[in-house]
């Protein structure tokens, strides 16, 4: 596990990178989008996936768009090591409090994760049809770090109920166990697919 401080657009981040398996769990906005770093860490631990999280240990939380974070050194190392990225984000759309938007450039992997979510976390609704996903949440821009790995990636936009303890926030956040189990199963299925070509 390697930690490094980086500065992006004047904001100081603490990055935690653990190089392991060919699938990578990424949380660019840990602390800003509560529970995403903790969820990524737990799933990576259970599956042997590579992990990269960004947190902001000091100052007011600042959200920098993903496409403007892609040039920092830990992300270069991460993208060069993994073949597929699963990037965890949070949305706060009050009209869809149980919807998980499943974007990113690798659509077969997106559907595989959605299947695992439907099976193991039935209280939530994963959407994979890109036209049904709000444009800012689709994760399709080529400069988005989720798409920089060899096989692209999947961007999961998770509502508060799918990523944090509720209703009282804690530090660190404790992601719901059914979401952890669903993503663990989904990542394992993707690893099996990769192993068998």
N, C-alpha and C. Protein backbone atom coordinates (compact mmCIF):
# COMPACT_ATOMS: atom_id res chain seq x y z
N UNK A 1 0.85 -1.19 0.00
CA UNK A 1 0.00 0.00 0.00
C UNK A 1 0.89 1.24 0.00
N UNK A 2 0.71 2.08 -1.00
CA UNK A 2 1.54 3.28 -1.13
C UNK A 2 0.66 4.51 -1.02
N UNK A 3 1.02 5.42 -0.14
CA UNK A 3 0.30 6.68 -0.02
C UNK A 3 1.16 7.82 -0.54
N UNK A 4 0.50 8.77 -1.16
CA UNK A 4 1.23 9.90 -1.76
C UNK A 4 0.32 11.12 -1.73
N UNK A 5 0.90 12.26 -1.43
CA UNK A 5 0.15 13.51 -1.51
C UNK A 5 0.34 14.11 -2.89
N UNK A 6 -0.76 14.52 -3.50
CA UNK A 6 -0.70 15.18 -4.79
C UNK A 6 -1.56 16.44 -4.73
N UNK A 7 -1.21 17.41 -5.55
CA UNK A 7 -1.98 18.65 -5.62
C UNK A 7 -2.55 18.80 -7.03
N UNK A 8 -3.86 18.96 -7.11
CA UNK A 8 -4.55 19.13 -8.39
C UNK A 8 -5.37 20.41 -8.31
N UNK A 9 -5.06 21.35 -9.18
CA UNK A 9 -5.77 22.65 -9.22
C UNK A 9 -5.80 23.30 -7.85
N UNK A 10 -4.69 23.22 -7.14
CA UNK A 10 -4.56 23.87 -5.84
C UNK A 10 -5.18 23.12 -4.68
N UNK A 11 -5.74 21.95 -4.94
CA UNK A 11 -6.36 21.15 -3.89
C UNK A 11 -5.43 19.99 -3.54
N UNK A 12 -5.18 19.80 -2.23
CA UNK A 12 -4.30 18.73 -1.78
C UNK A 12 -5.10 17.45 -1.56
N UNK A 13 -4.60 16.36 -2.14
CA UNK A 13 -5.22 15.05 -1.99
C UNK A 13 -4.22 14.09 -1.36
N UNK A 14 -4.76 13.11 -0.63
CA UNK A 14 -3.97 11.97 -0.20
C UNK A 14 -4.43 10.79 -1.04
N UNK A 15 -3.51 10.21 -1.80
CA UNK A 15 -3.85 9.05 -2.62
C UNK A 15 -3.32 7.79 -1.95
N UNK A 16 -4.10 6.73 -2.06
CA UNK A 16 -3.70 5.42 -1.56
C UNK A 16 -3.77 4.44 -2.71
N UNK A 17 -2.63 3.84 -3.07
CA UNK A 17 -2.54 2.95 -4.22
C UNK A 17 -2.02 1.59 -3.77
N UNK A 18 -2.76 0.55 -4.16
CA UNK A 18 -2.31 -0.82 -3.92
C UNK A 18 -2.41 -1.59 -5.22
N UNK A 19 -1.28 -1.93 -5.81
CA UNK A 19 -1.26 -2.65 -7.08
C UNK A 19 -1.45 -4.13 -6.81
N UNK A 20 -2.46 -4.72 -7.46
CA UNK A 20 -2.75 -6.14 -7.26
C UNK A 20 -3.28 -6.71 -8.56
N UNK A 21 -4.54 -7.14 -8.60
CA UNK A 21 -5.09 -7.81 -9.77
C UNK A 21 -5.35 -6.89 -10.94
N UNK A 22 -5.77 -7.46 -12.09
CA UNK A 22 -5.93 -6.69 -13.32
C UNK A 22 -7.17 -5.81 -13.38
N UNK A 23 -8.09 -6.00 -12.45
CA UNK A 23 -9.24 -5.09 -12.36
C UNK A 23 -8.94 -4.09 -11.26
N UNK A 24 -9.25 -2.82 -11.52
CA UNK A 24 -8.94 -1.77 -10.56
C UNK A 24 -10.18 -1.09 -10.03
N UNK A 25 -10.22 -0.89 -8.72
CA UNK A 25 -11.27 -0.11 -8.06
C UNK A 25 -10.73 1.29 -7.83
N UNK A 26 -11.49 2.29 -8.26
CA UNK A 26 -11.05 3.68 -8.22
C UNK A 26 -12.10 4.54 -7.53
N UNK A 27 -11.67 5.37 -6.58
CA UNK A 27 -12.55 6.35 -5.95
C UNK A 27 -11.85 7.70 -6.00
N UNK A 28 -12.26 8.52 -6.96
CA UNK A 28 -11.62 9.82 -7.17
C UNK A 28 -12.06 10.87 -6.17
N UNK A 29 -13.25 10.69 -5.59
CA UNK A 29 -13.84 11.75 -4.77
C UNK A 29 -14.18 11.26 -3.37
N UNK A 30 -13.28 10.41 -2.81
CA UNK A 30 -13.50 9.97 -1.44
C UNK A 30 -13.57 11.15 -0.48
N UNK A 31 -14.52 11.12 0.42
CA UNK A 31 -14.70 12.23 1.35
C UNK A 31 -15.67 13.26 0.81
N UNK A 32 -15.61 13.55 -0.48
CA UNK A 32 -16.58 14.46 -1.09
C UNK A 32 -17.86 13.69 -1.42
N UNK A 33 -17.67 12.50 -1.98
CA UNK A 33 -18.80 11.62 -2.27
C UNK A 33 -18.70 10.47 -1.27
N UNK A 34 -19.26 10.71 -0.09
CA UNK A 34 -19.05 9.87 1.08
C UNK A 34 -19.31 8.39 0.84
N UNK A 35 -18.41 7.58 1.34
CA UNK A 35 -18.53 6.14 1.26
C UNK A 35 -17.88 5.51 0.05
N UNK A 36 -17.53 6.30 -0.96
CA UNK A 36 -16.97 5.71 -2.18
C UNK A 36 -15.58 5.12 -1.94
N UNK A 37 -14.74 5.81 -1.18
CA UNK A 37 -13.40 5.29 -0.90
C UNK A 37 -13.47 4.03 -0.05
N UNK A 38 -14.36 4.05 0.95
CA UNK A 38 -14.51 2.89 1.83
C UNK A 38 -15.05 1.69 1.06
N UNK A 39 -16.01 1.94 0.16
CA UNK A 39 -16.58 0.86 -0.63
C UNK A 39 -15.54 0.27 -1.58
N UNK A 40 -14.79 1.13 -2.25
CA UNK A 40 -13.74 0.66 -3.15
C UNK A 40 -12.71 -0.17 -2.39
N UNK A 41 -12.33 0.29 -1.20
CA UNK A 41 -11.33 -0.40 -0.40
C UNK A 41 -11.82 -1.79 0.01
N UNK A 42 -13.06 -1.87 0.45
CA UNK A 42 -13.60 -3.15 0.91
C UNK A 42 -13.72 -4.15 -0.23
N UNK A 43 -14.21 -3.70 -1.38
CA UNK A 43 -14.36 -4.61 -2.52
C UNK A 43 -12.99 -5.07 -3.02
N UNK A 44 -12.04 -4.15 -3.08
CA UNK A 44 -10.68 -4.54 -3.51
C UNK A 44 -10.06 -5.54 -2.55
N UNK A 45 -10.28 -5.35 -1.26
CA UNK A 45 -9.73 -6.26 -0.26
C UNK A 45 -10.31 -7.66 -0.43
N UNK A 46 -11.60 -7.74 -0.70
CA UNK A 46 -12.27 -9.05 -0.82
C UNK A 46 -11.95 -9.77 -2.13
N UNK A 47 -11.59 -9.02 -3.15
CA UNK A 47 -11.42 -9.63 -4.47
C UNK A 47 -9.97 -9.72 -4.94
N UNK A 48 -9.07 -9.01 -4.27
CA UNK A 48 -7.68 -8.96 -4.75
C UNK A 48 -7.50 -8.01 -5.92
N UNK A 49 -8.42 -7.07 -6.07
CA UNK A 49 -8.32 -6.08 -7.15
C UNK A 49 -7.30 -5.00 -6.77
N UNK A 50 -6.83 -4.30 -7.76
CA UNK A 50 -6.00 -3.11 -7.54
C UNK A 50 -6.89 -1.99 -7.01
N UNK A 51 -6.32 -1.10 -6.22
CA UNK A 51 -7.09 -0.05 -5.56
C UNK A 51 -6.38 1.29 -5.67
N UNK A 52 -7.15 2.34 -5.97
CA UNK A 52 -6.65 3.71 -5.88
C UNK A 52 -7.77 4.59 -5.35
N UNK A 53 -7.50 5.25 -4.22
CA UNK A 53 -8.48 6.18 -3.66
C UNK A 53 -7.85 7.56 -3.48
N UNK A 54 -8.70 8.56 -3.59
CA UNK A 54 -8.32 9.95 -3.35
C UNK A 54 -9.17 10.47 -2.19
N UNK A 55 -8.53 11.04 -1.19
CA UNK A 55 -9.25 11.70 -0.11
C UNK A 55 -8.64 13.08 0.09
N UNK A 56 -9.37 13.94 0.79
CA UNK A 56 -8.89 15.29 1.07
C UNK A 56 -8.80 15.45 2.59
N UNK A 57 -7.62 15.24 3.14
CA UNK A 57 -7.49 15.22 4.60
C UNK A 57 -7.66 16.58 5.26
N UNK A 58 -7.49 17.65 4.50
CA UNK A 58 -7.56 18.99 5.10
C UNK A 58 -8.37 19.92 4.20
N UNK A 59 -8.90 20.96 4.84
CA UNK A 59 -9.60 21.99 4.09
C UNK A 59 -11.01 21.57 3.71
N UNK A 60 -11.78 22.51 3.16
CA UNK A 60 -13.15 22.20 2.77
C UNK A 60 -13.16 21.23 1.59
N UNK A 61 -14.09 20.26 1.58
CA UNK A 61 -14.16 19.31 0.46
C UNK A 61 -14.38 20.05 -0.86
N UNK A 62 -13.58 19.69 -1.85
CA UNK A 62 -13.66 20.33 -3.17
C UNK A 62 -13.84 19.26 -4.22
N UNK A 63 -14.86 19.44 -5.06
CA UNK A 63 -15.12 18.46 -6.13
C UNK A 63 -14.48 18.95 -7.42
N UNK A 64 -13.47 18.22 -7.88
CA UNK A 64 -12.85 18.51 -9.17
C UNK A 64 -13.35 17.46 -10.17
N UNK A 65 -13.88 17.86 -11.31
CA UNK A 65 -14.39 16.89 -12.28
C UNK A 65 -13.32 15.85 -12.65
N UNK A 66 -13.79 14.63 -12.85
CA UNK A 66 -12.88 13.50 -13.10
C UNK A 66 -11.91 13.77 -14.24
N UNK A 67 -12.41 14.36 -15.33
CA UNK A 67 -11.56 14.52 -16.51
C UNK A 67 -10.39 15.48 -16.24
N UNK A 68 -10.50 16.31 -15.18
CA UNK A 68 -9.42 17.23 -14.86
C UNK A 68 -8.43 16.62 -13.85
N UNK A 69 -8.65 15.37 -13.47
CA UNK A 69 -7.76 14.71 -12.51
C UNK A 69 -6.85 13.68 -13.17
N UNK A 70 -7.02 13.46 -14.46
CA UNK A 70 -6.44 12.27 -15.10
C UNK A 70 -4.92 12.33 -15.28
N UNK A 71 -4.30 13.48 -15.11
CA UNK A 71 -2.86 13.58 -15.38
C UNK A 71 -1.98 13.39 -14.16
N UNK A 72 -2.53 13.05 -13.01
CA UNK A 72 -1.66 12.93 -11.83
C UNK A 72 -0.93 11.58 -11.83
N UNK A 73 0.29 11.53 -11.28
CA UNK A 73 1.12 10.32 -11.37
C UNK A 73 0.46 9.04 -10.82
N UNK A 74 -0.22 9.06 -9.67
CA UNK A 74 -0.81 7.79 -9.21
C UNK A 74 -1.83 7.22 -10.20
N UNK A 75 -2.55 8.09 -10.89
CA UNK A 75 -3.52 7.60 -11.88
C UNK A 75 -2.82 7.00 -13.09
N UNK A 76 -1.69 7.56 -13.49
CA UNK A 76 -0.91 6.97 -14.59
C UNK A 76 -0.45 5.56 -14.22
N UNK A 77 0.06 5.41 -12.99
CA UNK A 77 0.53 4.10 -12.53
C UNK A 77 -0.63 3.11 -12.49
N UNK A 78 -1.74 3.55 -11.95
CA UNK A 78 -2.94 2.70 -11.84
C UNK A 78 -3.42 2.25 -13.23
N UNK A 79 -3.58 3.20 -14.15
CA UNK A 79 -4.12 2.88 -15.49
C UNK A 79 -3.19 1.98 -16.28
N UNK A 80 -1.88 2.12 -16.06
CA UNK A 80 -0.93 1.27 -16.77
C UNK A 80 -0.93 -0.16 -16.23
N UNK A 81 -1.36 -0.33 -14.98
CA UNK A 81 -1.32 -1.64 -14.35
C UNK A 81 -2.58 -2.47 -14.60
N UNK A 82 -3.75 -1.81 -14.62
CA UNK A 82 -5.01 -2.55 -14.71
C UNK A 82 -5.46 -2.69 -16.16
N UNK A 83 -6.31 -3.66 -16.41
CA UNK A 83 -6.91 -3.80 -17.74
C UNK A 83 -8.30 -3.22 -17.79
N UNK A 84 -8.97 -3.13 -16.63
CA UNK A 84 -10.34 -2.63 -16.54
C UNK A 84 -10.50 -1.85 -15.24
N UNK A 85 -11.14 -0.69 -15.32
CA UNK A 85 -11.35 0.15 -14.15
C UNK A 85 -12.83 0.16 -13.77
N UNK A 86 -13.09 0.10 -12.47
CA UNK A 86 -14.43 0.32 -11.94
C UNK A 86 -14.34 1.54 -11.04
N UNK A 87 -14.93 2.62 -11.48
CA UNK A 87 -14.81 3.90 -10.79
C UNK A 87 -16.11 4.20 -10.03
N UNK A 88 -15.97 4.42 -8.71
CA UNK A 88 -17.13 4.63 -7.84
C UNK A 88 -17.33 6.11 -7.56
N UNK A 89 -18.54 6.56 -7.80
CA UNK A 89 -18.92 7.96 -7.58
C UNK A 89 -20.24 8.01 -6.82
N UNK A 90 -20.59 9.19 -6.37
CA UNK A 90 -21.87 9.37 -5.69
C UNK A 90 -22.72 10.40 -6.39
N UNK A 91 -24.02 10.12 -6.46
CA UNK A 91 -24.96 11.14 -6.95
C UNK A 91 -25.97 11.44 -5.84
N UNK A 92 -26.52 12.64 -5.89
CA UNK A 92 -27.48 13.08 -4.87
C UNK A 92 -28.80 13.50 -5.51
N UNK A 93 -29.20 12.78 -6.54
CA UNK A 93 -30.45 13.12 -7.23
C UNK A 93 -31.63 12.62 -6.42
N UNK A 94 -32.37 13.57 -5.87
CA UNK A 94 -33.45 13.22 -4.95
C UNK A 94 -34.58 12.47 -5.63
N UNK A 95 -34.70 12.64 -6.94
CA UNK A 95 -35.78 11.95 -7.66
C UNK A 95 -35.48 10.47 -7.89
N UNK A 96 -34.21 10.08 -7.71
CA UNK A 96 -33.82 8.68 -7.93
C UNK A 96 -32.94 8.18 -6.78
N UNK A 97 -33.50 8.11 -5.55
CA UNK A 97 -32.68 7.79 -4.38
C UNK A 97 -32.23 6.34 -4.31
N UNK A 98 -32.75 5.47 -5.18
CA UNK A 98 -32.32 4.07 -5.19
C UNK A 98 -31.83 3.62 -6.56
N UNK A 99 -31.51 4.58 -7.41
CA UNK A 99 -31.02 4.27 -8.74
C UNK A 99 -29.50 4.33 -8.77
N UNK A 100 -28.89 3.28 -9.33
CA UNK A 100 -27.45 3.25 -9.56
C UNK A 100 -27.24 3.37 -11.06
N UNK A 101 -26.60 4.44 -11.49
CA UNK A 101 -26.32 4.66 -12.90
C UNK A 101 -25.01 3.96 -13.26
N UNK A 102 -25.08 3.09 -14.27
CA UNK A 102 -23.93 2.25 -14.62
C UNK A 102 -23.42 2.69 -15.99
N UNK A 103 -22.45 3.61 -15.97
CA UNK A 103 -21.90 4.16 -17.20
C UNK A 103 -20.52 3.61 -17.50
N UNK A 104 -19.74 4.38 -18.24
CA UNK A 104 -18.39 3.96 -18.64
C UNK A 104 -18.37 3.34 -20.01
N UNK A 105 -17.17 3.20 -20.56
CA UNK A 105 -17.02 2.78 -21.96
C UNK A 105 -17.15 1.28 -22.18
N UNK A 106 -16.95 0.48 -21.12
CA UNK A 106 -17.01 -0.98 -21.30
C UNK A 106 -18.43 -1.45 -20.96
N UNK A 107 -19.27 -1.55 -22.00
CA UNK A 107 -20.68 -1.86 -21.77
C UNK A 107 -20.91 -3.31 -21.34
N UNK A 108 -20.19 -4.30 -21.88
CA UNK A 108 -20.39 -5.66 -21.35
C UNK A 108 -20.07 -5.76 -19.85
N UNK A 109 -19.00 -5.10 -19.41
CA UNK A 109 -18.66 -5.12 -17.99
C UNK A 109 -19.72 -4.38 -17.18
N UNK A 110 -20.26 -3.30 -17.74
CA UNK A 110 -21.32 -2.56 -17.06
C UNK A 110 -22.53 -3.46 -16.84
N UNK A 111 -22.90 -4.21 -17.86
CA UNK A 111 -24.06 -5.10 -17.72
C UNK A 111 -23.79 -6.22 -16.71
N UNK A 112 -22.56 -6.72 -16.66
CA UNK A 112 -22.21 -7.77 -15.70
C UNK A 112 -22.33 -7.25 -14.26
N UNK A 113 -21.87 -6.03 -14.01
CA UNK A 113 -22.00 -5.46 -12.67
C UNK A 113 -23.46 -5.19 -12.34
N UNK A 114 -24.23 -4.72 -13.32
CA UNK A 114 -25.65 -4.47 -13.09
C UNK A 114 -26.38 -5.75 -12.73
N UNK A 115 -26.02 -6.84 -13.39
CA UNK A 115 -26.63 -8.13 -13.08
C UNK A 115 -26.36 -8.54 -11.63
N UNK A 116 -25.12 -8.36 -11.20
CA UNK A 116 -24.76 -8.70 -9.81
C UNK A 116 -25.50 -7.81 -8.82
N UNK A 117 -25.64 -6.53 -9.15
CA UNK A 117 -26.37 -5.61 -8.27
C UNK A 117 -27.84 -6.00 -8.18
N UNK A 118 -28.44 -6.34 -9.31
CA UNK A 118 -29.85 -6.73 -9.30
C UNK A 118 -30.08 -7.97 -8.46
N UNK A 119 -29.14 -8.93 -8.55
CA UNK A 119 -29.30 -10.20 -7.84
C UNK A 119 -29.07 -10.07 -6.35
N UNK A 120 -28.11 -9.25 -5.94
CA UNK A 120 -27.69 -9.24 -4.54
C UNK A 120 -28.09 -7.98 -3.78
N UNK A 121 -28.53 -6.95 -4.48
CA UNK A 121 -28.97 -5.72 -3.82
C UNK A 121 -30.29 -5.27 -4.47
N UNK A 122 -31.35 -6.09 -4.31
CA UNK A 122 -32.59 -5.84 -5.06
C UNK A 122 -33.33 -4.56 -4.65
N UNK A 123 -32.92 -3.94 -3.56
CA UNK A 123 -33.56 -2.68 -3.17
C UNK A 123 -33.14 -1.52 -4.07
N UNK A 124 -32.12 -1.76 -4.90
CA UNK A 124 -31.62 -0.71 -5.78
C UNK A 124 -31.87 -1.06 -7.24
N UNK A 125 -31.91 -0.04 -8.09
CA UNK A 125 -32.21 -0.22 -9.51
C UNK A 125 -31.00 0.21 -10.32
N UNK A 126 -30.25 -0.74 -10.89
CA UNK A 126 -29.14 -0.35 -11.76
C UNK A 126 -29.62 -0.07 -13.18
N UNK A 127 -29.22 1.08 -13.72
CA UNK A 127 -29.59 1.46 -15.09
C UNK A 127 -28.36 1.40 -15.97
N UNK A 128 -28.44 0.64 -17.06
CA UNK A 128 -27.31 0.53 -17.98
C UNK A 128 -27.57 1.15 -19.34
N UNK A 129 -28.83 1.46 -19.66
CA UNK A 129 -29.14 2.07 -20.96
C UNK A 129 -28.65 3.51 -20.94
N UNK A 130 -27.68 3.80 -21.79
CA UNK A 130 -27.03 5.11 -21.72
C UNK A 130 -28.00 6.26 -21.90
N UNK A 131 -29.01 6.09 -22.74
CA UNK A 131 -29.97 7.18 -22.95
C UNK A 131 -30.80 7.46 -21.71
N UNK A 132 -30.85 6.51 -20.77
CA UNK A 132 -31.59 6.70 -19.52
C UNK A 132 -30.72 7.31 -18.42
N UNK A 133 -29.42 7.40 -18.67
CA UNK A 133 -28.49 7.95 -17.68
C UNK A 133 -28.28 9.43 -17.97
N UNK A 134 -28.44 10.31 -16.98
CA UNK A 134 -28.17 11.73 -17.23
C UNK A 134 -26.78 11.92 -17.85
N UNK A 135 -26.68 12.77 -18.84
CA UNK A 135 -25.43 12.93 -19.60
C UNK A 135 -24.20 13.16 -18.72
N UNK A 136 -24.28 13.98 -17.66
CA UNK A 136 -23.08 14.21 -16.85
C UNK A 136 -22.62 12.97 -16.08
N UNK A 137 -23.47 11.95 -15.99
CA UNK A 137 -23.15 10.77 -15.19
C UNK A 137 -22.77 9.56 -16.05
N UNK A 138 -22.67 9.73 -17.35
CA UNK A 138 -22.44 8.58 -18.24
C UNK A 138 -21.00 8.08 -18.24
N UNK A 139 -20.05 8.93 -17.92
CA UNK A 139 -18.65 8.49 -17.82
C UNK A 139 -18.07 8.02 -19.13
N UNK A 140 -18.36 8.72 -20.22
CA UNK A 140 -17.91 8.28 -21.54
C UNK A 140 -16.77 9.10 -22.12
N UNK A 141 -16.43 10.22 -21.50
CA UNK A 141 -15.39 11.09 -22.04
C UNK A 141 -14.06 10.34 -22.07
N UNK A 142 -13.32 10.40 -23.17
CA UNK A 142 -12.05 9.66 -23.24
C UNK A 142 -11.02 10.10 -22.21
N UNK A 143 -11.11 11.33 -21.70
CA UNK A 143 -10.17 11.80 -20.69
C UNK A 143 -10.59 11.42 -19.27
N UNK A 144 -11.77 10.84 -19.13
CA UNK A 144 -12.20 10.38 -17.81
C UNK A 144 -11.31 9.20 -17.41
N UNK A 145 -10.72 9.24 -16.20
CA UNK A 145 -9.83 8.15 -15.80
C UNK A 145 -10.45 6.76 -15.88
N UNK A 146 -11.77 6.66 -15.81
CA UNK A 146 -12.41 5.34 -15.88
C UNK A 146 -12.16 4.66 -17.22
N UNK A 147 -11.88 5.46 -18.26
CA UNK A 147 -11.72 4.91 -19.61
C UNK A 147 -10.27 4.80 -20.06
N UNK A 148 -9.31 5.03 -19.16
CA UNK A 148 -7.92 5.07 -19.57
C UNK A 148 -7.23 3.70 -19.57
N UNK A 149 -7.82 2.72 -18.91
CA UNK A 149 -7.23 1.38 -18.91
C UNK A 149 -7.42 0.73 -20.28
N UNK A 150 -6.70 -0.35 -20.53
CA UNK A 150 -6.72 -1.00 -21.84
C UNK A 150 -8.13 -1.37 -22.30
N UNK A 151 -8.93 -1.90 -21.40
CA UNK A 151 -10.29 -2.33 -21.76
C UNK A 151 -11.35 -1.34 -21.30
N UNK A 152 -10.94 -0.11 -20.99
CA UNK A 152 -11.91 0.89 -20.55
C UNK A 152 -12.39 0.60 -19.14
N UNK A 153 -13.66 0.95 -18.89
CA UNK A 153 -14.13 0.75 -17.53
C UNK A 153 -15.61 0.96 -17.36
N UNK A 154 -16.01 0.89 -16.09
CA UNK A 154 -17.41 1.06 -15.68
C UNK A 154 -17.46 2.16 -14.63
N UNK A 155 -18.32 3.14 -14.84
CA UNK A 155 -18.50 4.20 -13.86
C UNK A 155 -19.82 3.97 -13.15
N UNK A 156 -19.74 3.75 -11.83
CA UNK A 156 -20.93 3.55 -11.02
C UNK A 156 -21.25 4.83 -10.26
N UNK A 157 -22.42 5.38 -10.52
CA UNK A 157 -22.90 6.55 -9.80
C UNK A 157 -23.92 6.06 -8.78
N UNK A 158 -23.51 6.11 -7.52
CA UNK A 158 -24.28 5.50 -6.44
C UNK A 158 -25.03 6.55 -5.62
N UNK A 159 -26.31 6.30 -5.32
CA UNK A 159 -27.02 7.22 -4.43
C UNK A 159 -26.51 7.08 -3.00
N UNK A 160 -26.87 8.02 -2.15
CA UNK A 160 -26.38 8.01 -0.76
C UNK A 160 -26.67 6.68 -0.08
N UNK A 161 -27.87 6.14 -0.28
CA UNK A 161 -28.27 4.91 0.40
C UNK A 161 -27.42 3.71 -0.01
N UNK A 162 -26.75 3.78 -1.15
CA UNK A 162 -25.94 2.66 -1.64
C UNK A 162 -24.47 2.79 -1.29
N UNK A 163 -24.10 3.88 -0.63
CA UNK A 163 -22.67 4.05 -0.37
C UNK A 163 -22.32 4.45 1.05
N UNK A 164 -23.30 4.84 1.84
CA UNK A 164 -22.97 5.28 3.20
C UNK A 164 -23.95 4.70 4.21
N UNK A 165 -23.52 4.70 5.45
CA UNK A 165 -24.43 4.39 6.54
C UNK A 165 -25.52 5.47 6.56
N UNK A 166 -26.68 5.09 6.99
CA UNK A 166 -27.81 6.03 6.92
C UNK A 166 -28.74 5.77 8.08
N UNK A 167 -29.27 6.80 8.74
CA UNK A 167 -29.21 8.20 8.35
C UNK A 167 -28.02 8.96 8.94
N UNK A 168 -27.33 8.37 9.93
CA UNK A 168 -26.26 9.12 10.59
C UNK A 168 -24.92 8.81 9.95
N UNK A 169 -24.25 9.80 9.35
CA UNK A 169 -22.94 9.55 8.75
C UNK A 169 -21.91 9.23 9.81
N UNK A 170 -20.95 8.42 9.46
CA UNK A 170 -19.87 8.06 10.37
C UNK A 170 -18.55 8.30 9.67
N UNK A 171 -17.48 8.27 10.42
CA UNK A 171 -16.15 8.39 9.81
C UNK A 171 -15.27 7.30 10.38
N UNK A 172 -14.80 6.34 9.60
CA UNK A 172 -15.09 6.25 8.16
C UNK A 172 -16.51 5.78 7.89
N UNK A 173 -17.00 6.08 6.72
CA UNK A 173 -18.33 5.63 6.33
C UNK A 173 -18.36 4.10 6.26
N UNK A 174 -19.51 3.53 6.51
CA UNK A 174 -19.67 2.08 6.43
C UNK A 174 -20.66 1.79 5.30
N UNK A 175 -20.18 1.31 4.15
CA UNK A 175 -21.09 1.04 3.02
C UNK A 175 -22.04 -0.11 3.36
N UNK A 176 -23.24 -0.12 2.77
CA UNK A 176 -24.19 -1.21 3.02
C UNK A 176 -23.60 -2.56 2.58
N UNK A 177 -23.78 -3.57 3.42
CA UNK A 177 -23.17 -4.86 3.14
C UNK A 177 -23.69 -5.47 1.85
N UNK A 178 -24.97 -5.25 1.52
CA UNK A 178 -25.49 -5.86 0.28
C UNK A 178 -24.83 -5.27 -0.96
N UNK A 179 -24.46 -4.00 -0.90
CA UNK A 179 -23.75 -3.38 -2.02
C UNK A 179 -22.33 -3.92 -2.11
N UNK A 180 -21.68 -4.05 -0.96
CA UNK A 180 -20.33 -4.63 -0.93
C UNK A 180 -20.36 -6.04 -1.53
N UNK A 181 -21.32 -6.84 -1.10
CA UNK A 181 -21.41 -8.22 -1.60
C UNK A 181 -21.71 -8.26 -3.09
N UNK A 182 -22.60 -7.38 -3.54
CA UNK A 182 -22.96 -7.36 -4.96
C UNK A 182 -21.76 -6.98 -5.83
N UNK A 183 -21.04 -5.94 -5.45
CA UNK A 183 -19.90 -5.52 -6.25
C UNK A 183 -18.77 -6.54 -6.15
N UNK A 184 -18.62 -7.18 -5.00
CA UNK A 184 -17.61 -8.24 -4.87
C UNK A 184 -17.92 -9.37 -5.85
N UNK A 185 -19.19 -9.77 -5.90
CA UNK A 185 -19.58 -10.84 -6.83
C UNK A 185 -19.39 -10.40 -8.27
N UNK A 186 -19.72 -9.16 -8.57
CA UNK A 186 -19.56 -8.65 -9.93
C UNK A 186 -18.11 -8.60 -10.36
N UNK A 187 -17.24 -8.12 -9.47
CA UNK A 187 -15.80 -8.05 -9.79
C UNK A 187 -15.24 -9.46 -9.98
N UNK A 188 -15.64 -10.37 -9.12
CA UNK A 188 -15.14 -11.75 -9.27
C UNK A 188 -15.58 -12.36 -10.60
N UNK A 189 -16.81 -12.08 -11.03
CA UNK A 189 -17.27 -12.61 -12.32
C UNK A 189 -16.48 -12.02 -13.47
N UNK A 190 -16.12 -10.73 -13.36
CA UNK A 190 -15.30 -10.10 -14.40
C UNK A 190 -13.90 -10.69 -14.42
N UNK A 191 -13.37 -10.99 -13.23
CA UNK A 191 -12.04 -11.62 -13.17
C UNK A 191 -12.05 -12.99 -13.83
N UNK A 192 -13.11 -13.75 -13.58
CA UNK A 192 -13.23 -15.08 -14.20
C UNK A 192 -13.32 -14.97 -15.71
N UNK A 193 -14.07 -14.01 -16.19
CA UNK A 193 -14.17 -13.81 -17.64
C UNK A 193 -12.81 -13.48 -18.23
N UNK A 194 -12.07 -12.62 -17.53
CA UNK A 194 -10.76 -12.21 -18.03
C UNK A 194 -9.81 -13.40 -18.08
N UNK A 195 -9.89 -14.26 -17.06
CA UNK A 195 -8.99 -15.42 -17.02
C UNK A 195 -9.28 -16.42 -18.14
N UNK A 196 -10.55 -16.50 -18.54
CA UNK A 196 -10.92 -17.47 -19.57
C UNK A 196 -11.05 -16.86 -20.97
N UNK A 197 -10.53 -15.65 -21.08
CA UNK A 197 -10.48 -15.01 -22.38
C UNK A 197 -11.79 -14.53 -22.90
